[in-house]
Amino acid sequence: MKHIYNNKILIERRRGLRSNLTEAEKILWRYLGNSKLAGFRFFRQYSAGGGSHIPDEQKLYDAERTKYLNGNNIKVLRFWNNDLINDIDSVIAKIIESTK
């Protein structure tokens, strides 16, 4: 089986994304970092497979990406930035619920 995780070709892209977090990502990582959430370990910008976001095709891309990741036993949870910024407690509750 082909190794799909953290392709070396994408290392610079991952580094760039980790060092340029959105405000919503910064808020979320205050709760997820250092195994703070129920002892689970979360990864930032951990690549699996390939591809990139194409604005005009975002919804289709996200659906295909989720299908691909789920097919590789990777659980995907998606949240709106607005929810992370304005209702982080509900987001965290949904993350915890998904681990049960």
N, C-alpha and C. Protein backbone atom coordinates (compact mmCIF):
# COMPACT_ATOMS: atom_id res chain seq x y z
N MET A 1 0.84 -1.18 0.00
CA MET A 1 0.00 0.00 0.00
C MET A 1 0.88 1.25 0.00
N LYS A 2 0.51 2.23 -0.80
CA LYS A 2 1.25 3.47 -0.90
C LYS A 2 1.11 4.27 0.39
N HIS A 3 2.21 4.85 0.83
CA HIS A 3 2.22 5.69 2.02
C HIS A 3 1.58 7.03 1.66
N ILE A 4 0.45 7.38 2.31
CA ILE A 4 -0.30 8.58 1.94
C ILE A 4 -0.10 9.75 2.89
N TYR A 5 0.58 9.56 3.98
CA TYR A 5 0.67 10.60 5.01
C TYR A 5 1.94 11.42 4.90
N ASN A 6 1.79 12.73 5.09
CA ASN A 6 2.90 13.68 5.14
C ASN A 6 3.92 13.49 4.02
N ASN A 7 3.43 13.53 2.80
CA ASN A 7 4.27 13.45 1.61
C ASN A 7 5.36 14.52 1.71
N LYS A 8 6.60 14.13 1.48
CA LYS A 8 7.73 15.06 1.61
C LYS A 8 7.63 16.23 0.64
N ILE A 9 6.95 16.04 -0.47
CA ILE A 9 6.79 17.11 -1.45
C ILE A 9 6.00 18.28 -0.86
N LEU A 10 5.10 17.99 0.10
CA LEU A 10 4.23 19.00 0.68
C LEU A 10 4.74 19.60 1.98
N ILE A 11 5.97 19.29 2.37
CA ILE A 11 6.48 19.72 3.67
C ILE A 11 6.50 21.24 3.81
N GLU A 12 6.94 21.96 2.79
CA GLU A 12 6.98 23.41 2.88
C GLU A 12 5.59 24.01 2.97
N ARG A 13 4.64 23.43 2.26
CA ARG A 13 3.26 23.89 2.33
C ARG A 13 2.70 23.71 3.74
N ARG A 14 2.95 22.54 4.35
CA ARG A 14 2.49 22.29 5.72
C ARG A 14 3.11 23.28 6.69
N ARG A 15 4.40 23.54 6.55
CA ARG A 15 5.08 24.50 7.43
C ARG A 15 4.46 25.88 7.30
N GLY A 16 4.20 26.28 6.06
CA GLY A 16 3.60 27.59 5.82
C GLY A 16 2.22 27.71 6.44
N LEU A 17 1.41 26.68 6.31
CA LEU A 17 0.06 26.69 6.88
C LEU A 17 0.11 26.73 8.41
N ARG A 18 1.05 25.99 9.00
CA ARG A 18 1.18 25.98 10.46
C ARG A 18 1.63 27.33 11.00
N SER A 19 2.44 28.03 10.25
CA SER A 19 2.95 29.31 10.75
C SER A 19 2.04 30.49 10.40
N ASN A 20 0.99 30.27 9.63
CA ASN A 20 0.06 31.32 9.25
C ASN A 20 -1.37 30.93 9.58
N LEU A 21 -1.63 30.61 10.84
CA LEU A 21 -2.97 30.18 11.26
C LEU A 21 -3.98 31.31 11.13
N THR A 22 -5.21 30.95 10.79
CA THR A 22 -6.30 31.92 10.81
C THR A 22 -6.67 32.18 12.28
N GLU A 23 -7.44 33.22 12.53
CA GLU A 23 -7.88 33.52 13.89
C GLU A 23 -8.67 32.35 14.46
N ALA A 24 -9.53 31.74 13.63
CA ALA A 24 -10.33 30.60 14.07
C ALA A 24 -9.44 29.42 14.45
N GLU A 25 -8.40 29.17 13.66
CA GLU A 25 -7.47 28.07 13.97
C GLU A 25 -6.72 28.34 15.28
N LYS A 26 -6.34 29.57 15.50
CA LYS A 26 -5.64 29.92 16.75
C LYS A 26 -6.53 29.63 17.96
N ILE A 27 -7.79 30.01 17.86
CA ILE A 27 -8.73 29.76 18.95
C ILE A 27 -8.86 28.26 19.20
N LEU A 28 -9.06 27.49 18.14
CA LEU A 28 -9.24 26.05 18.29
C LEU A 28 -8.01 25.40 18.91
N TRP A 29 -6.81 25.80 18.49
CA TRP A 29 -5.60 25.16 19.00
C TRP A 29 -5.31 25.49 20.46
N ARG A 30 -5.93 26.53 20.99
CA ARG A 30 -5.81 26.78 22.43
C ARG A 30 -6.45 25.65 23.22
N TYR A 31 -7.44 25.00 22.62
CA TYR A 31 -8.16 23.90 23.27
C TYR A 31 -7.60 22.53 22.91
N LEU A 32 -7.03 22.40 21.72
CA LEU A 32 -6.59 21.09 21.26
C LEU A 32 -5.12 20.80 21.51
N GLY A 33 -4.31 21.82 21.58
CA GLY A 33 -2.86 21.64 21.69
C GLY A 33 -2.44 20.93 22.96
N ASN A 34 -1.32 20.23 22.88
CA ASN A 34 -0.71 19.54 24.02
C ASN A 34 -1.67 18.56 24.70
N SER A 35 -2.47 17.88 23.92
CA SER A 35 -3.41 16.85 24.43
C SER A 35 -4.32 17.38 25.53
N LYS A 36 -4.72 18.65 25.43
CA LYS A 36 -5.57 19.27 26.44
C LYS A 36 -7.00 18.72 26.41
N LEU A 37 -7.44 18.27 25.26
CA LEU A 37 -8.83 17.85 25.12
C LEU A 37 -8.95 16.34 25.33
N ALA A 38 -9.38 15.96 26.50
CA ALA A 38 -9.64 14.55 26.84
C ALA A 38 -8.44 13.65 26.58
N GLY A 39 -7.24 14.21 26.58
CA GLY A 39 -6.04 13.41 26.39
C GLY A 39 -5.79 12.97 24.96
N PHE A 40 -6.62 13.42 24.00
CA PHE A 40 -6.43 13.04 22.60
C PHE A 40 -5.34 13.89 21.98
N ARG A 41 -4.66 13.33 20.99
CA ARG A 41 -3.62 14.05 20.28
C ARG A 41 -4.18 14.46 18.91
N PHE A 42 -4.07 15.74 18.61
CA PHE A 42 -4.54 16.27 17.34
C PHE A 42 -3.34 16.78 16.56
N PHE A 43 -3.45 16.76 15.24
CA PHE A 43 -2.36 17.19 14.37
C PHE A 43 -2.80 18.40 13.55
N ARG A 44 -1.93 19.39 13.45
CA ARG A 44 -2.18 20.54 12.59
C ARG A 44 -1.54 20.30 11.24
N GLN A 45 -2.29 20.56 10.20
CA GLN A 45 -1.78 20.50 8.84
C GLN A 45 -1.01 19.22 8.57
N TYR A 46 -1.60 18.12 8.95
CA TYR A 46 -1.03 16.80 8.70
C TYR A 46 -1.57 16.35 7.36
N SER A 47 -0.73 16.20 6.38
CA SER A 47 -1.25 15.90 5.04
C SER A 47 -1.52 14.40 4.87
N ALA A 48 -2.60 14.15 4.15
CA ALA A 48 -2.98 12.78 3.80
C ALA A 48 -3.44 12.81 2.35
N GLY A 49 -2.70 12.16 1.49
CA GLY A 49 -3.03 12.22 0.08
C GLY A 49 -2.49 13.51 -0.50
N GLY A 50 -3.17 14.06 -1.50
CA GLY A 50 -2.69 15.29 -2.13
C GLY A 50 -3.82 16.23 -2.41
N GLY A 51 -3.58 17.17 -3.29
CA GLY A 51 -4.62 18.11 -3.69
C GLY A 51 -4.56 19.40 -2.91
N SER A 52 -5.37 20.33 -3.36
CA SER A 52 -5.45 21.63 -2.70
C SER A 52 -6.84 22.20 -2.89
N HIS A 53 -7.15 23.25 -2.14
CA HIS A 53 -8.46 23.87 -2.23
C HIS A 53 -8.57 24.73 -3.48
N ILE A 54 -9.66 24.57 -4.22
CA ILE A 54 -9.95 25.38 -5.40
C ILE A 54 -11.22 26.14 -5.09
N PRO A 55 -11.14 27.47 -4.92
CA PRO A 55 -12.30 28.24 -4.44
C PRO A 55 -13.62 27.96 -5.16
N ASP A 56 -13.64 27.90 -6.47
CA ASP A 56 -14.88 27.70 -7.21
C ASP A 56 -15.45 26.30 -7.02
N GLU A 57 -14.65 25.39 -6.62
CA GLU A 57 -15.09 24.01 -6.47
C GLU A 57 -14.97 23.52 -5.03
N GLN A 58 -14.98 24.45 -4.08
CA GLN A 58 -14.74 24.13 -2.67
C GLN A 58 -15.66 23.05 -2.13
N LYS A 59 -16.96 23.19 -2.36
CA LYS A 59 -17.91 22.24 -1.80
C LYS A 59 -17.69 20.83 -2.34
N LEU A 60 -17.50 20.72 -3.64
CA LEU A 60 -17.23 19.42 -4.26
C LEU A 60 -15.91 18.85 -3.76
N TYR A 61 -14.88 19.71 -3.69
CA TYR A 61 -13.58 19.27 -3.21
C TYR A 61 -13.69 18.74 -1.78
N ASP A 62 -14.36 19.49 -0.91
CA ASP A 62 -14.50 19.08 0.48
C ASP A 62 -15.21 17.74 0.60
N ALA A 63 -16.27 17.53 -0.20
CA ALA A 63 -17.02 16.27 -0.16
C ALA A 63 -16.13 15.11 -0.62
N GLU A 64 -15.39 15.30 -1.69
CA GLU A 64 -14.50 14.26 -2.18
C GLU A 64 -13.36 14.00 -1.20
N ARG A 65 -12.85 15.06 -0.62
CA ARG A 65 -11.75 14.94 0.34
C ARG A 65 -12.20 14.17 1.58
N THR A 66 -13.39 14.50 2.07
CA THR A 66 -13.95 13.79 3.23
C THR A 66 -14.12 12.32 2.91
N LYS A 67 -14.66 12.01 1.74
CA LYS A 67 -14.84 10.61 1.33
C LYS A 67 -13.48 9.89 1.29
N TYR A 68 -12.49 10.53 0.73
CA TYR A 68 -11.16 9.94 0.65
C TYR A 68 -10.58 9.69 2.05
N LEU A 69 -10.65 10.69 2.90
CA LEU A 69 -10.09 10.55 4.25
C LEU A 69 -10.83 9.50 5.06
N ASN A 70 -12.16 9.50 5.00
CA ASN A 70 -12.94 8.48 5.70
C ASN A 70 -12.57 7.09 5.21
N GLY A 71 -12.31 6.96 3.90
CA GLY A 71 -11.90 5.68 3.32
C GLY A 71 -10.55 5.21 3.83
N ASN A 72 -9.78 6.12 4.39
CA ASN A 72 -8.48 5.79 4.97
C ASN A 72 -8.52 5.86 6.50
N ASN A 73 -9.72 5.65 7.05
CA ASN A 73 -9.93 5.62 8.50
C ASN A 73 -9.51 6.90 9.22
N ILE A 74 -9.73 8.04 8.56
CA ILE A 74 -9.47 9.34 9.17
C ILE A 74 -10.82 10.03 9.34
N LYS A 75 -11.17 10.34 10.58
CA LYS A 75 -12.44 11.01 10.86
C LYS A 75 -12.30 12.50 10.55
N VAL A 76 -13.28 13.03 9.85
CA VAL A 76 -13.27 14.44 9.47
C VAL A 76 -14.42 15.15 10.16
N LEU A 77 -14.09 16.24 10.83
CA LEU A 77 -15.09 17.13 11.41
C LEU A 77 -14.84 18.50 10.81
N ARG A 78 -15.90 19.13 10.33
CA ARG A 78 -15.75 20.46 9.73
C ARG A 78 -16.58 21.46 10.52
N PHE A 79 -15.99 22.64 10.73
CA PHE A 79 -16.67 23.70 11.46
C PHE A 79 -16.48 25.01 10.72
N TRP A 80 -17.49 25.87 10.81
CA TRP A 80 -17.38 27.21 10.24
C TRP A 80 -16.49 28.05 11.14
N ASN A 81 -15.69 28.92 10.54
CA ASN A 81 -14.85 29.83 11.33
C ASN A 81 -15.68 30.61 12.33
N ASN A 82 -16.85 31.05 11.90
CA ASN A 82 -17.74 31.82 12.77
C ASN A 82 -18.08 31.04 14.05
N ASP A 83 -18.31 29.74 13.92
CA ASP A 83 -18.60 28.91 15.10
C ASP A 83 -17.40 28.82 16.03
N LEU A 84 -16.21 28.70 15.45
CA LEU A 84 -15.00 28.64 16.27
C LEU A 84 -14.77 29.94 17.03
N ILE A 85 -15.05 31.04 16.38
CA ILE A 85 -14.81 32.35 16.98
C ILE A 85 -15.90 32.70 18.00
N ASN A 86 -17.17 32.40 17.69
CA ASN A 86 -18.28 32.85 18.52
C ASN A 86 -18.89 31.80 19.44
N ASP A 87 -18.59 30.52 19.20
CA ASP A 87 -19.21 29.47 20.01
C ASP A 87 -18.27 28.27 20.17
N ILE A 88 -17.07 28.54 20.62
CA ILE A 88 -16.05 27.50 20.74
C ILE A 88 -16.49 26.37 21.66
N ASP A 89 -17.29 26.67 22.68
CA ASP A 89 -17.73 25.62 23.60
C ASP A 89 -18.56 24.55 22.89
N SER A 90 -19.43 24.97 21.97
CA SER A 90 -20.22 23.99 21.20
C SER A 90 -19.34 23.17 20.28
N VAL A 91 -18.34 23.80 19.69
CA VAL A 91 -17.41 23.09 18.81
C VAL A 91 -16.66 22.03 19.61
N ILE A 92 -16.14 22.41 20.76
CA ILE A 92 -15.40 21.47 21.61
C ILE A 92 -16.31 20.32 22.04
N ALA A 93 -17.56 20.62 22.39
CA ALA A 93 -18.52 19.58 22.78
C ALA A 93 -18.73 18.59 21.63
N LYS A 94 -18.82 19.10 20.41
CA LYS A 94 -19.02 18.23 19.23
C LYS A 94 -17.78 17.36 19.00
N ILE A 95 -16.61 17.92 19.21
CA ILE A 95 -15.38 17.13 19.05
C ILE A 95 -15.34 16.01 20.09
N ILE A 96 -15.64 16.34 21.32
CA ILE A 96 -15.64 15.31 22.38
C ILE A 96 -16.67 14.24 22.08
N GLU A 97 -17.87 14.65 21.66
CA GLU A 97 -18.93 13.69 21.34
C GLU A 97 -18.51 12.76 20.21
N SER A 98 -17.75 13.26 19.25
CA SER A 98 -17.34 12.43 18.12
C SER A 98 -16.33 11.37 18.51
N THR A 99 -15.72 11.50 19.68
CA THR A 99 -14.72 10.52 20.11
C THR A 99 -15.34 9.32 20.84
N LYS A 100 -16.63 9.42 21.10
CA LYS A 100 -17.30 8.35 21.85
C LYS A 100 -17.80 7.25 20.95
